[in-house]
Amino acid sequence: FDNSGRQYDAKGNLVNWWTDATADAFVGRAQCFIDQYNGYDVPELSDSHVNGVATLGENIADNGGLSEAWLAYLKYIERNGTEPSLPGLNLTTQQLFFVASAYV
């Protein structure tokens, strides 16, 4: 759930269906994303930085997707064994997973 989707129930109705404790916990975690992304500068654009509030929903989705992909990759390794390293690179396949994710 992101900051927008959390406002809708299973039937798509706009309703506050979270407890106060759940909403407070979400707001606290969302603030961590806001603070983190507010600290990123965009070097290609002079005097520009990421607006963590404006990009919150996308940032939550991207981080959630990466987390699930990582868990799936770990299951793949568990079932199939570690893949061979790429020649000429002094990186593990697990490190390459995150390098590749940075290009998405």
N, C-alpha and C. Protein backbone atom coordinates (compact mmCIF):
# COMPACT_ATOMS: atom_id res chain seq x y z
N PHE A 1 0.83 -1.18 0.00
CA PHE A 1 0.00 0.00 0.00
C PHE A 1 0.88 1.25 0.00
N ASP A 2 0.49 2.20 -0.83
CA ASP A 2 1.20 3.47 -0.80
C ASP A 2 0.28 4.52 -0.17
N ASN A 3 0.72 5.76 -0.19
CA ASN A 3 -0.03 6.81 0.48
C ASN A 3 -1.38 7.08 -0.17
N SER A 4 -1.57 6.67 -1.40
CA SER A 4 -2.85 6.85 -2.06
C SER A 4 -3.73 5.60 -1.95
N GLY A 5 -3.15 4.45 -2.27
CA GLY A 5 -3.90 3.20 -2.27
C GLY A 5 -4.42 2.78 -0.90
N ARG A 6 -3.77 3.23 0.14
CA ARG A 6 -4.19 2.84 1.50
C ARG A 6 -5.55 3.41 1.87
N GLN A 7 -6.04 4.36 1.08
CA GLN A 7 -7.30 5.02 1.39
C GLN A 7 -8.53 4.25 0.89
N TYR A 8 -8.29 3.14 0.15
CA TYR A 8 -9.40 2.40 -0.46
C TYR A 8 -9.48 1.00 0.13
N ASP A 9 -10.72 0.52 0.30
CA ASP A 9 -10.90 -0.82 0.83
C ASP A 9 -10.83 -1.85 -0.30
N ALA A 10 -11.10 -3.11 0.02
CA ALA A 10 -10.99 -4.21 -0.94
C ALA A 10 -11.95 -4.06 -2.12
N LYS A 11 -13.02 -3.29 -1.94
CA LYS A 11 -14.00 -3.08 -3.01
C LYS A 11 -13.77 -1.78 -3.77
N GLY A 12 -12.70 -1.08 -3.44
CA GLY A 12 -12.38 0.16 -4.14
C GLY A 12 -13.09 1.39 -3.59
N ASN A 13 -13.71 1.24 -2.44
CA ASN A 13 -14.40 2.38 -1.82
C ASN A 13 -13.42 3.24 -1.03
N LEU A 14 -13.57 4.54 -1.17
CA LEU A 14 -12.75 5.47 -0.40
C LEU A 14 -13.25 5.46 1.04
N VAL A 15 -12.44 4.87 1.92
CA VAL A 15 -12.86 4.71 3.31
C VAL A 15 -11.62 4.58 4.19
N ASN A 16 -11.70 5.09 5.40
CA ASN A 16 -10.62 4.95 6.36
C ASN A 16 -10.80 3.61 7.06
N TRP A 17 -10.10 2.59 6.59
CA TRP A 17 -10.28 1.25 7.13
C TRP A 17 -9.12 0.80 8.02
N TRP A 18 -8.14 1.66 8.22
CA TRP A 18 -7.01 1.33 9.09
C TRP A 18 -7.27 1.83 10.50
N THR A 19 -6.73 1.10 11.48
CA THR A 19 -6.79 1.59 12.85
C THR A 19 -5.87 2.80 12.98
N ASP A 20 -6.07 3.57 14.04
CA ASP A 20 -5.19 4.72 14.27
C ASP A 20 -3.73 4.28 14.43
N ALA A 21 -3.52 3.15 15.10
CA ALA A 21 -2.15 2.65 15.31
C ALA A 21 -1.50 2.27 13.98
N THR A 22 -2.27 1.63 13.10
CA THR A 22 -1.74 1.24 11.79
C THR A 22 -1.41 2.48 10.96
N ALA A 23 -2.32 3.44 10.95
CA ALA A 23 -2.09 4.68 10.19
C ALA A 23 -0.88 5.43 10.73
N ASP A 24 -0.74 5.49 12.04
CA ASP A 24 0.41 6.18 12.64
C ASP A 24 1.72 5.49 12.27
N ALA A 25 1.72 4.16 12.29
CA ALA A 25 2.93 3.41 11.91
C ALA A 25 3.27 3.66 10.45
N PHE A 26 2.25 3.69 9.58
CA PHE A 26 2.49 3.95 8.16
C PHE A 26 3.07 5.35 7.96
N VAL A 27 2.50 6.33 8.63
CA VAL A 27 2.97 7.71 8.49
C VAL A 27 4.43 7.81 8.93
N GLY A 28 4.78 7.13 10.01
CA GLY A 28 6.16 7.15 10.48
C GLY A 28 7.12 6.54 9.48
N ARG A 29 6.72 5.41 8.89
CA ARG A 29 7.58 4.77 7.89
C ARG A 29 7.63 5.58 6.61
N ALA A 30 6.51 6.16 6.25
CA ALA A 30 6.48 7.00 5.04
C ALA A 30 7.40 8.21 5.22
N GLN A 31 7.44 8.75 6.42
CA GLN A 31 8.31 9.90 6.68
C GLN A 31 9.78 9.53 6.46
N CYS A 32 10.14 8.29 6.75
CA CYS A 32 11.52 7.84 6.50
C CYS A 32 11.83 7.92 5.00
N PHE A 33 10.89 7.49 4.16
CA PHE A 33 11.08 7.60 2.70
C PHE A 33 11.18 9.06 2.29
N ILE A 34 10.30 9.89 2.83
CA ILE A 34 10.32 11.32 2.48
C ILE A 34 11.67 11.93 2.83
N ASP A 35 12.14 11.67 4.03
CA ASP A 35 13.43 12.22 4.46
C ASP A 35 14.57 11.72 3.59
N GLN A 36 14.55 10.43 3.29
CA GLN A 36 15.62 9.85 2.47
C GLN A 36 15.65 10.48 1.08
N TYR A 37 14.51 10.54 0.43
CA TYR A 37 14.48 11.05 -0.94
C TYR A 37 14.64 12.56 -1.01
N ASN A 38 14.24 13.27 0.02
CA ASN A 38 14.49 14.72 0.07
C ASN A 38 15.98 15.03 0.04
N GLY A 39 16.79 14.08 0.47
CA GLY A 39 18.23 14.28 0.51
C GLY A 39 18.95 14.03 -0.80
N TYR A 40 18.22 13.58 -1.83
CA TYR A 40 18.86 13.28 -3.11
C TYR A 40 18.85 14.50 -4.01
N ASP A 41 20.02 14.83 -4.53
CA ASP A 41 20.14 15.91 -5.51
C ASP A 41 20.09 15.32 -6.91
N VAL A 42 19.68 16.13 -7.87
CA VAL A 42 19.67 15.73 -9.28
C VAL A 42 20.79 16.52 -9.95
N PRO A 43 21.99 15.91 -10.09
CA PRO A 43 23.14 16.67 -10.59
C PRO A 43 22.96 17.21 -12.01
N GLU A 44 22.15 16.53 -12.81
CA GLU A 44 21.94 16.99 -14.19
C GLU A 44 21.15 18.30 -14.25
N LEU A 45 20.43 18.59 -13.20
CA LEU A 45 19.64 19.82 -13.13
C LEU A 45 20.21 20.69 -12.03
N SER A 46 20.69 21.85 -12.38
CA SER A 46 21.32 22.70 -11.38
C SER A 46 20.32 23.10 -10.29
N ASP A 47 20.79 23.08 -9.07
CA ASP A 47 19.98 23.46 -7.90
C ASP A 47 18.65 22.73 -7.83
N SER A 48 18.67 21.44 -8.11
CA SER A 48 17.43 20.66 -8.08
C SER A 48 17.64 19.43 -7.21
N HIS A 49 16.60 19.08 -6.49
CA HIS A 49 16.65 17.86 -5.70
C HIS A 49 15.28 17.18 -5.73
N VAL A 50 15.26 15.92 -5.33
CA VAL A 50 14.03 15.14 -5.33
C VAL A 50 13.09 15.66 -4.25
N ASN A 51 11.81 15.73 -4.58
CA ASN A 51 10.78 16.10 -3.61
C ASN A 51 10.19 14.81 -3.05
N GLY A 52 10.60 14.46 -1.83
CA GLY A 52 10.19 13.20 -1.23
C GLY A 52 8.70 13.06 -1.02
N VAL A 53 8.01 14.17 -0.83
CA VAL A 53 6.55 14.12 -0.66
C VAL A 53 5.89 13.82 -2.00
N ALA A 54 6.31 14.52 -3.05
CA ALA A 54 5.69 14.35 -4.36
C ALA A 54 5.95 12.97 -4.95
N THR A 55 7.07 12.35 -4.59
CA THR A 55 7.44 11.05 -5.17
C THR A 55 7.18 9.89 -4.22
N LEU A 56 6.48 10.14 -3.11
CA LEU A 56 6.32 9.13 -2.07
C LEU A 56 5.69 7.84 -2.59
N GLY A 57 4.58 7.92 -3.28
CA GLY A 57 3.91 6.71 -3.76
C GLY A 57 4.80 5.87 -4.65
N GLU A 58 5.49 6.52 -5.57
CA GLU A 58 6.40 5.80 -6.47
C GLU A 58 7.58 5.21 -5.70
N ASN A 59 8.09 5.93 -4.74
CA ASN A 59 9.22 5.44 -3.96
C ASN A 59 8.84 4.22 -3.12
N ILE A 60 7.65 4.24 -2.54
CA ILE A 60 7.17 3.08 -1.78
C ILE A 60 7.03 1.89 -2.71
N ALA A 61 6.43 2.10 -3.88
CA ALA A 61 6.23 1.01 -4.83
C ALA A 61 7.56 0.46 -5.32
N ASP A 62 8.50 1.33 -5.66
CA ASP A 62 9.81 0.87 -6.14
C ASP A 62 10.53 0.06 -5.08
N ASN A 63 10.52 0.53 -3.85
CA ASN A 63 11.21 -0.18 -2.77
C ASN A 63 10.52 -1.50 -2.45
N GLY A 64 9.20 -1.52 -2.47
CA GLY A 64 8.48 -2.77 -2.24
C GLY A 64 8.74 -3.78 -3.34
N GLY A 65 8.76 -3.32 -4.58
CA GLY A 65 9.05 -4.20 -5.71
C GLY A 65 10.44 -4.78 -5.64
N LEU A 66 11.41 -3.94 -5.30
CA LEU A 66 12.79 -4.41 -5.18
C LEU A 66 12.92 -5.44 -4.06
N SER A 67 12.24 -5.20 -2.96
CA SER A 67 12.28 -6.13 -1.84
C SER A 67 11.72 -7.49 -2.23
N GLU A 68 10.59 -7.50 -2.92
CA GLU A 68 9.98 -8.76 -3.35
C GLU A 68 10.84 -9.47 -4.40
N ALA A 69 11.42 -8.72 -5.32
CA ALA A 69 12.31 -9.31 -6.33
C ALA A 69 13.53 -9.94 -5.65
N TRP A 70 14.08 -9.28 -4.65
CA TRP A 70 15.23 -9.81 -3.91
C TRP A 70 14.86 -11.12 -3.22
N LEU A 71 13.71 -11.16 -2.56
CA LEU A 71 13.27 -12.40 -1.90
C LEU A 71 13.07 -13.52 -2.91
N ALA A 72 12.53 -13.20 -4.07
CA ALA A 72 12.35 -14.20 -5.13
C ALA A 72 13.70 -14.70 -5.63
N TYR A 73 14.66 -13.80 -5.78
CA TYR A 73 16.00 -14.20 -6.23
C TYR A 73 16.67 -15.11 -5.21
N LEU A 74 16.51 -14.81 -3.94
CA LEU A 74 17.08 -15.67 -2.90
C LEU A 74 16.47 -17.06 -2.95
N LYS A 75 15.16 -17.15 -3.21
CA LYS A 75 14.52 -18.47 -3.35
C LYS A 75 15.06 -19.19 -4.58
N TYR A 76 15.28 -18.46 -5.66
CA TYR A 76 15.84 -19.05 -6.87
C TYR A 76 17.22 -19.65 -6.58
N ILE A 77 18.06 -18.91 -5.87
CA ILE A 77 19.40 -19.40 -5.52
C ILE A 77 19.29 -20.64 -4.63
N GLU A 78 18.35 -20.61 -3.70
CA GLU A 78 18.17 -21.75 -2.80
C GLU A 78 17.80 -23.01 -3.58
N ARG A 79 16.97 -22.87 -4.58
CA ARG A 79 16.51 -24.02 -5.37
C ARG A 79 17.51 -24.45 -6.44
N ASN A 80 18.21 -23.49 -7.03
CA ASN A 80 19.03 -23.79 -8.20
C ASN A 80 20.53 -23.62 -7.97
N GLY A 81 20.91 -23.13 -6.83
CA GLY A 81 22.32 -22.88 -6.57
C GLY A 81 22.74 -21.52 -7.10
N THR A 82 23.89 -21.08 -6.65
CA THR A 82 24.40 -19.78 -7.06
C THR A 82 24.81 -19.82 -8.52
N GLU A 83 24.48 -18.77 -9.23
CA GLU A 83 24.86 -18.66 -10.63
C GLU A 83 26.35 -18.35 -10.73
N PRO A 84 26.96 -18.68 -11.87
CA PRO A 84 28.38 -18.35 -12.02
C PRO A 84 28.59 -16.85 -12.11
N SER A 85 29.73 -16.40 -11.62
CA SER A 85 30.07 -14.98 -11.69
C SER A 85 30.37 -14.58 -13.12
N LEU A 86 30.24 -13.30 -13.40
CA LEU A 86 30.59 -12.79 -14.72
C LEU A 86 32.10 -12.59 -14.79
N PRO A 87 32.71 -13.04 -15.87
CA PRO A 87 34.16 -12.88 -15.98
C PRO A 87 34.55 -11.41 -16.05
N GLY A 88 35.64 -11.10 -15.39
CA GLY A 88 36.16 -9.74 -15.42
C GLY A 88 35.55 -8.81 -14.39
N LEU A 89 34.53 -9.27 -13.69
CA LEU A 89 33.91 -8.44 -12.65
C LEU A 89 34.15 -9.07 -11.29
N ASN A 90 34.62 -8.30 -10.38
CA ASN A 90 34.89 -8.79 -9.04
C ASN A 90 33.66 -8.54 -8.16
N LEU A 91 32.50 -9.04 -8.63
CA LEU A 91 31.24 -8.87 -7.91
C LEU A 91 30.54 -10.22 -7.81
N THR A 92 29.88 -10.45 -6.69
CA THR A 92 29.06 -11.66 -6.56
C THR A 92 27.78 -11.47 -7.37
N THR A 93 27.10 -12.57 -7.61
CA THR A 93 25.82 -12.46 -8.33
C THR A 93 24.80 -11.69 -7.50
N GLN A 94 24.90 -11.79 -6.19
CA GLN A 94 23.99 -11.03 -5.34
C GLN A 94 24.28 -9.53 -5.44
N GLN A 95 25.53 -9.16 -5.52
CA GLN A 95 25.88 -7.75 -5.72
C GLN A 95 25.40 -7.28 -7.09
N LEU A 96 25.53 -8.14 -8.10
CA LEU A 96 25.08 -7.78 -9.44
C LEU A 96 23.57 -7.57 -9.50
N PHE A 97 22.83 -8.28 -8.67
CA PHE A 97 21.38 -8.07 -8.60
C PHE A 97 21.08 -6.61 -8.31
N PHE A 98 21.78 -6.04 -7.33
CA PHE A 98 21.51 -4.65 -6.95
C PHE A 98 22.09 -3.66 -7.95
N VAL A 99 23.20 -4.01 -8.57
CA VAL A 99 23.73 -3.15 -9.64
C VAL A 99 22.71 -3.08 -10.77
N ALA A 100 22.17 -4.24 -11.15
CA ALA A 100 21.18 -4.28 -12.23
C ALA A 100 19.92 -3.50 -11.85
N SER A 101 19.51 -3.59 -10.60
CA SER A 101 18.29 -2.88 -10.18
C SER A 101 18.46 -1.37 -10.26
N ALA A 102 19.69 -0.90 -10.14
CA ALA A 102 19.94 0.54 -10.20
C ALA A 102 19.73 1.09 -11.61
N TYR A 103 19.73 0.21 -12.61
CA TYR A 103 19.56 0.65 -13.99
C TYR A 103 18.10 0.66 -14.43
N VAL A 104 17.21 0.22 -13.57
CA VAL A 104 15.79 0.15 -13.94
C VAL A 104 15.14 1.50 -13.75
